[in-house]
Amino acid sequence: MDVGRIMNEKTACSQIIGSVIFGIGAALMEATEYDKLWGNPVVRTLADYHIPVHLDVPLIDVHFIGKPDPHISPIGAGGAEEIGITGVSAAIANAVFNATGKRLRDLPLTPDKLV
């Protein structure tokens, strides 16, 4: 990751891991279903909404370039926040395409969309 100077590597790494897991969830699991009659969300709590946790994903190894960027801030540090999500869904969609030959463009990428 190229996010400028790293001030705290442990927390920056945790931010990137969390955003990658967020991207995996968006690509494979998370969907909001609506009642067909009234249009209300069917899933109303996180107890009913499937989101990925650390046990659902493989080990994620994060590396930082660590080069200060003077255009971001005077000390060259940027924010790691959710920048790690940027390519995750596209990479998973490309992996599905390489495995099946079918291009899916609607998230989440569920097996029913392959038929």
N, C-alpha and C. Protein backbone atom coordinates (compact mmCIF):
# COMPACT_ATOMS: atom_id res chain seq x y z
N MET A 1 0.84 -1.17 0.00
CA MET A 1 0.00 0.00 0.00
C MET A 1 0.89 1.24 0.00
N ASP A 2 0.50 2.20 -0.76
CA ASP A 2 1.21 3.47 -0.81
C ASP A 2 0.29 4.54 -0.22
N VAL A 3 0.39 4.74 1.07
CA VAL A 3 -0.47 5.70 1.76
C VAL A 3 0.34 6.80 2.43
N GLY A 4 1.56 7.00 1.98
CA GLY A 4 2.41 8.02 2.57
C GLY A 4 3.17 7.46 3.76
N ARG A 5 3.63 8.36 4.61
CA ARG A 5 4.39 7.95 5.81
C ARG A 5 3.45 7.24 6.78
N ILE A 6 3.90 6.14 7.31
CA ILE A 6 3.11 5.37 8.27
C ILE A 6 3.47 5.84 9.68
N MET A 7 2.47 6.32 10.39
CA MET A 7 2.70 6.81 11.75
C MET A 7 2.62 5.68 12.77
N ASN A 8 1.69 4.76 12.57
CA ASN A 8 1.53 3.62 13.46
C ASN A 8 1.24 2.40 12.58
N GLU A 9 2.22 1.56 12.38
CA GLU A 9 2.09 0.45 11.44
C GLU A 9 1.02 -0.56 11.86
N LYS A 10 0.88 -0.80 13.14
CA LYS A 10 -0.11 -1.77 13.60
C LYS A 10 -1.53 -1.32 13.28
N THR A 11 -1.86 -0.08 13.59
CA THR A 11 -3.23 0.40 13.32
C THR A 11 -3.46 0.59 11.82
N ALA A 12 -2.44 1.03 11.08
CA ALA A 12 -2.59 1.18 9.63
C ALA A 12 -2.82 -0.19 8.98
N CYS A 13 -2.10 -1.18 9.43
CA CYS A 13 -2.27 -2.55 8.92
C CYS A 13 -3.67 -3.06 9.23
N SER A 14 -4.16 -2.79 10.43
CA SER A 14 -5.50 -3.22 10.81
C SER A 14 -6.56 -2.53 9.95
N GLN A 15 -6.35 -1.26 9.63
CA GLN A 15 -7.29 -0.54 8.77
C GLN A 15 -7.35 -1.18 7.38
N ILE A 16 -6.21 -1.53 6.82
CA ILE A 16 -6.17 -2.14 5.49
C ILE A 16 -6.81 -3.52 5.51
N ILE A 17 -6.49 -4.32 6.52
CA ILE A 17 -7.10 -5.65 6.62
C ILE A 17 -8.61 -5.53 6.73
N GLY A 18 -9.09 -4.62 7.54
CA GLY A 18 -10.53 -4.41 7.68
C GLY A 18 -11.19 -4.00 6.38
N SER A 19 -10.52 -3.14 5.63
CA SER A 19 -11.12 -2.70 4.37
C SER A 19 -11.10 -3.80 3.32
N VAL A 20 -10.09 -4.65 3.34
CA VAL A 20 -10.07 -5.79 2.41
C VAL A 20 -11.20 -6.76 2.76
N ILE A 21 -11.41 -7.01 4.04
CA ILE A 21 -12.52 -7.86 4.47
C ILE A 21 -13.85 -7.23 4.08
N PHE A 22 -13.96 -5.92 4.19
CA PHE A 22 -15.16 -5.20 3.75
C PHE A 22 -15.39 -5.42 2.25
N GLY A 23 -14.34 -5.37 1.47
CA GLY A 23 -14.44 -5.61 0.03
C GLY A 23 -14.86 -7.03 -0.31
N ILE A 24 -14.34 -7.98 0.45
CA ILE A 24 -14.74 -9.38 0.25
C ILE A 24 -16.22 -9.56 0.56
N GLY A 25 -16.68 -8.95 1.64
CA GLY A 25 -18.08 -9.03 2.00
C GLY A 25 -18.98 -8.41 0.94
N ALA A 26 -18.57 -7.25 0.43
CA ALA A 26 -19.36 -6.58 -0.61
C ALA A 26 -19.42 -7.44 -1.86
N ALA A 27 -18.33 -8.10 -2.18
CA ALA A 27 -18.27 -8.90 -3.41
C ALA A 27 -19.02 -10.22 -3.30
N LEU A 28 -19.02 -10.83 -2.13
CA LEU A 28 -19.52 -12.20 -2.03
C LEU A 28 -20.73 -12.42 -1.11
N MET A 29 -20.98 -11.54 -0.17
CA MET A 29 -21.96 -11.87 0.86
C MET A 29 -23.05 -10.85 1.08
N GLU A 30 -22.70 -9.58 1.10
CA GLU A 30 -23.63 -8.57 1.59
C GLU A 30 -24.66 -8.17 0.53
N ALA A 31 -25.91 -8.28 0.89
CA ALA A 31 -27.00 -7.88 0.01
C ALA A 31 -28.19 -7.45 0.87
N THR A 32 -28.86 -6.42 0.46
CA THR A 32 -30.06 -5.98 1.13
C THR A 32 -31.26 -6.46 0.34
N GLU A 33 -32.10 -7.23 0.97
CA GLU A 33 -33.32 -7.74 0.33
C GLU A 33 -34.50 -6.85 0.74
N TYR A 34 -35.39 -6.62 -0.20
CA TYR A 34 -36.55 -5.77 0.06
C TYR A 34 -37.84 -6.56 -0.11
N ASP A 35 -38.83 -6.22 0.71
CA ASP A 35 -40.15 -6.81 0.60
C ASP A 35 -40.76 -6.37 -0.73
N LYS A 36 -41.23 -7.33 -1.52
CA LYS A 36 -41.74 -7.02 -2.86
C LYS A 36 -43.04 -6.22 -2.83
N LEU A 37 -43.81 -6.37 -1.76
CA LEU A 37 -45.08 -5.66 -1.68
C LEU A 37 -44.92 -4.23 -1.17
N TRP A 38 -44.18 -4.07 -0.08
CA TRP A 38 -44.09 -2.77 0.57
C TRP A 38 -42.77 -2.04 0.32
N GLY A 39 -41.76 -2.74 -0.13
CA GLY A 39 -40.47 -2.11 -0.39
C GLY A 39 -39.62 -1.87 0.83
N ASN A 40 -40.00 -2.44 1.96
CA ASN A 40 -39.21 -2.28 3.19
C ASN A 40 -38.06 -3.28 3.20
N PRO A 41 -36.95 -2.93 3.82
CA PRO A 41 -35.86 -3.91 3.96
C PRO A 41 -36.31 -5.10 4.79
N VAL A 42 -36.00 -6.29 4.32
CA VAL A 42 -36.37 -7.51 5.04
C VAL A 42 -35.41 -7.75 6.19
N VAL A 43 -34.14 -7.50 5.97
CA VAL A 43 -33.12 -7.68 6.99
C VAL A 43 -32.95 -6.35 7.71
N ARG A 44 -33.24 -6.35 9.00
CA ARG A 44 -33.23 -5.08 9.75
C ARG A 44 -32.15 -5.00 10.81
N THR A 45 -31.51 -6.12 11.14
CA THR A 45 -30.48 -6.08 12.17
C THR A 45 -29.24 -6.81 11.67
N LEU A 46 -28.12 -6.55 12.30
CA LEU A 46 -26.89 -7.24 11.94
C LEU A 46 -26.93 -8.72 12.32
N ALA A 47 -27.86 -9.10 13.17
CA ALA A 47 -28.00 -10.52 13.51
C ALA A 47 -28.50 -11.31 12.31
N ASP A 48 -29.25 -10.66 11.42
CA ASP A 48 -29.80 -11.33 10.24
C ASP A 48 -29.00 -11.04 8.97
N TYR A 49 -28.02 -10.18 9.05
CA TYR A 49 -27.26 -9.73 7.88
C TYR A 49 -25.89 -10.38 7.90
N HIS A 50 -25.57 -11.15 6.88
CA HIS A 50 -24.31 -11.88 6.88
C HIS A 50 -23.17 -10.96 6.44
N ILE A 51 -22.23 -10.75 7.35
CA ILE A 51 -21.03 -9.99 7.03
C ILE A 51 -19.83 -10.88 7.33
N PRO A 52 -18.75 -10.73 6.58
CA PRO A 52 -17.59 -11.58 6.82
C PRO A 52 -16.85 -11.17 8.10
N VAL A 53 -16.27 -12.15 8.71
CA VAL A 53 -15.41 -11.93 9.88
C VAL A 53 -14.06 -12.55 9.56
N HIS A 54 -13.13 -12.41 10.46
CA HIS A 54 -11.78 -12.89 10.20
C HIS A 54 -11.72 -14.39 9.90
N LEU A 55 -12.61 -15.16 10.47
CA LEU A 55 -12.61 -16.60 10.19
C LEU A 55 -13.11 -16.93 8.79
N ASP A 56 -13.80 -15.99 8.13
CA ASP A 56 -14.32 -16.21 6.78
C ASP A 56 -13.29 -15.93 5.69
N VAL A 57 -12.18 -15.33 6.04
CA VAL A 57 -11.21 -14.90 5.03
C VAL A 57 -9.84 -15.49 5.32
N PRO A 58 -9.02 -15.61 4.29
CA PRO A 58 -7.66 -16.12 4.52
C PRO A 58 -6.79 -15.05 5.19
N LEU A 59 -5.58 -15.43 5.52
CA LEU A 59 -4.62 -14.51 6.10
C LEU A 59 -4.33 -13.40 5.08
N ILE A 60 -4.38 -12.18 5.51
CA ILE A 60 -4.13 -11.02 4.64
C ILE A 60 -2.81 -10.41 5.08
N ASP A 61 -1.86 -10.39 4.17
CA ASP A 61 -0.52 -9.86 4.46
C ASP A 61 -0.42 -8.45 3.88
N VAL A 62 -0.16 -7.48 4.70
CA VAL A 62 -0.14 -6.08 4.28
C VAL A 62 1.30 -5.57 4.31
N HIS A 63 1.68 -4.89 3.24
CA HIS A 63 2.99 -4.26 3.16
C HIS A 63 2.80 -2.80 2.76
N PHE A 64 3.60 -1.93 3.33
CA PHE A 64 3.53 -0.51 3.03
C PHE A 64 4.81 -0.07 2.35
N ILE A 65 4.67 0.84 1.40
CA ILE A 65 5.84 1.43 0.75
C ILE A 65 6.53 2.36 1.74
N GLY A 66 5.76 3.15 2.48
CA GLY A 66 6.31 4.00 3.53
C GLY A 66 7.01 5.25 3.04
N LYS A 67 6.81 5.62 1.80
CA LYS A 67 7.45 6.81 1.26
C LYS A 67 6.60 8.04 1.59
N PRO A 68 7.15 9.01 2.30
CA PRO A 68 6.38 10.21 2.63
C PRO A 68 5.91 10.94 1.37
N ASP A 69 4.70 11.45 1.42
CA ASP A 69 4.13 12.19 0.30
C ASP A 69 3.88 13.63 0.75
N PRO A 70 4.72 14.57 0.33
CA PRO A 70 4.56 15.96 0.80
C PRO A 70 3.32 16.65 0.25
N HIS A 71 2.66 16.05 -0.73
CA HIS A 71 1.44 16.63 -1.29
C HIS A 71 0.21 16.31 -0.44
N ILE A 72 0.31 15.28 0.41
CA ILE A 72 -0.82 14.90 1.27
C ILE A 72 -0.89 15.79 2.50
N SER A 73 0.23 15.91 3.18
CA SER A 73 0.28 16.70 4.40
C SER A 73 1.72 17.14 4.64
N PRO A 74 1.94 18.09 5.53
CA PRO A 74 3.31 18.57 5.79
C PRO A 74 4.26 17.47 6.28
N ILE A 75 3.75 16.49 7.00
CA ILE A 75 4.63 15.42 7.48
C ILE A 75 4.65 14.22 6.53
N GLY A 76 3.86 14.30 5.44
CA GLY A 76 3.89 13.24 4.43
C GLY A 76 3.05 12.03 4.75
N ALA A 77 2.18 12.15 5.74
CA ALA A 77 1.34 11.03 6.15
C ALA A 77 -0.07 11.21 5.60
N GLY A 78 -0.61 10.14 5.06
CA GLY A 78 -1.99 10.15 4.59
C GLY A 78 -2.83 9.29 5.51
N GLY A 79 -3.96 8.87 5.03
CA GLY A 79 -4.82 8.01 5.82
C GLY A 79 -4.96 6.65 5.15
N ALA A 80 -4.93 5.60 5.95
CA ALA A 80 -5.06 4.26 5.41
C ALA A 80 -6.52 3.84 5.32
N GLU A 81 -7.36 4.40 6.16
CA GLU A 81 -8.78 4.09 6.27
C GLU A 81 -9.28 2.96 5.37
N GLU A 82 -10.03 3.28 4.33
CA GLU A 82 -10.64 2.24 3.51
C GLU A 82 -10.04 2.17 2.11
N ILE A 83 -8.81 2.64 1.94
CA ILE A 83 -8.19 2.61 0.63
C ILE A 83 -7.95 1.17 0.16
N GLY A 84 -7.88 0.24 1.10
CA GLY A 84 -7.65 -1.15 0.75
C GLY A 84 -8.82 -1.82 0.05
N ILE A 85 -9.99 -1.20 0.05
CA ILE A 85 -11.16 -1.81 -0.58
C ILE A 85 -11.18 -1.60 -2.09
N THR A 86 -10.37 -0.68 -2.60
CA THR A 86 -10.53 -0.20 -3.98
C THR A 86 -10.52 -1.30 -5.04
N GLY A 87 -9.69 -2.28 -4.95
CA GLY A 87 -9.63 -3.28 -6.02
C GLY A 87 -10.15 -4.65 -5.65
N VAL A 88 -10.64 -4.81 -4.45
CA VAL A 88 -11.01 -6.14 -3.97
C VAL A 88 -12.16 -6.75 -4.76
N SER A 89 -13.26 -6.04 -4.89
CA SER A 89 -14.42 -6.59 -5.59
C SER A 89 -14.10 -6.87 -7.05
N ALA A 90 -13.35 -5.98 -7.69
CA ALA A 90 -12.97 -6.19 -9.10
C ALA A 90 -12.07 -7.40 -9.24
N ALA A 91 -11.14 -7.60 -8.31
CA ALA A 91 -10.25 -8.76 -8.37
C ALA A 91 -11.03 -10.05 -8.21
N ILE A 92 -11.99 -10.07 -7.30
CA ILE A 92 -12.80 -11.26 -7.09
C ILE A 92 -13.68 -11.52 -8.32
N ALA A 93 -14.26 -10.46 -8.88
CA ALA A 93 -15.08 -10.62 -10.10
C ALA A 93 -14.24 -11.15 -11.25
N ASN A 94 -13.01 -10.69 -11.38
CA ASN A 94 -12.13 -11.21 -12.43
C ASN A 94 -11.75 -12.66 -12.18
N ALA A 95 -11.57 -13.04 -10.92
CA ALA A 95 -11.29 -14.44 -10.60
C ALA A 95 -12.47 -15.33 -10.96
N VAL A 96 -13.69 -14.86 -10.69
CA VAL A 96 -14.89 -15.60 -11.07
C VAL A 96 -14.96 -15.73 -12.59
N PHE A 97 -14.65 -14.67 -13.31
CA PHE A 97 -14.65 -14.71 -14.77
C PHE A 97 -13.60 -15.69 -15.29
N ASN A 98 -12.41 -15.67 -14.73
CA ASN A 98 -11.37 -16.60 -15.15
C ASN A 98 -11.74 -18.05 -14.87
N ALA A 99 -12.48 -18.29 -13.79
CA ALA A 99 -12.86 -19.65 -13.43
C ALA A 99 -14.07 -20.15 -14.22
N THR A 100 -14.99 -19.24 -14.55
CA THR A 100 -16.26 -19.69 -15.15
C THR A 100 -16.47 -19.22 -16.58
N GLY A 101 -15.78 -18.17 -16.98
CA GLY A 101 -15.99 -17.60 -18.30
C GLY A 101 -17.18 -16.66 -18.38
N LYS A 102 -17.83 -16.42 -17.25
CA LYS A 102 -18.99 -15.52 -17.24
C LYS A 102 -18.64 -14.25 -16.46
N ARG A 103 -18.89 -13.12 -17.08
CA ARG A 103 -18.60 -11.83 -16.45
C ARG A 103 -19.81 -11.37 -15.64
N LEU A 104 -19.62 -11.24 -14.33
CA LEU A 104 -20.67 -10.75 -13.44
C LEU A 104 -20.37 -9.30 -13.09
N ARG A 105 -21.38 -8.44 -13.21
CA ARG A 105 -21.18 -7.02 -12.96
C ARG A 105 -22.09 -6.48 -11.87
N ASP A 106 -22.74 -7.37 -11.13
CA ASP A 106 -23.66 -6.95 -10.09
C ASP A 106 -23.27 -7.64 -8.79
N LEU A 107 -23.03 -6.84 -7.76
CA LEU A 107 -22.65 -7.41 -6.47
C LEU A 107 -23.86 -7.66 -5.60
N PRO A 108 -23.84 -8.67 -4.76
CA PRO A 108 -22.78 -9.63 -4.54
C PRO A 108 -22.74 -10.69 -5.63
N LEU A 109 -21.59 -11.28 -5.79
CA LEU A 109 -21.38 -12.33 -6.80
C LEU A 109 -21.84 -13.65 -6.20
N THR A 110 -23.08 -14.01 -6.44
CA THR A 110 -23.66 -15.22 -5.87
C THR A 110 -23.81 -16.30 -6.94
N PRO A 111 -23.80 -17.57 -6.53
CA PRO A 111 -23.88 -18.66 -7.51
C PRO A 111 -25.09 -18.61 -8.43
N ASP A 112 -26.23 -18.10 -7.96
CA ASP A 112 -27.42 -18.04 -8.81
C ASP A 112 -27.24 -17.12 -10.01
N LYS A 113 -26.29 -16.19 -9.95
CA LYS A 113 -26.05 -15.28 -11.08
C LYS A 113 -25.19 -15.93 -12.17
N LEU A 114 -24.64 -17.09 -11.89
CA LEU A 114 -23.81 -17.79 -12.87
C LEU A 114 -24.64 -18.61 -13.85
N VAL A 115 -25.90 -18.90 -13.52
CA VAL A 115 -26.74 -19.71 -14.41
C VAL A 115 -27.51 -18.86 -15.39
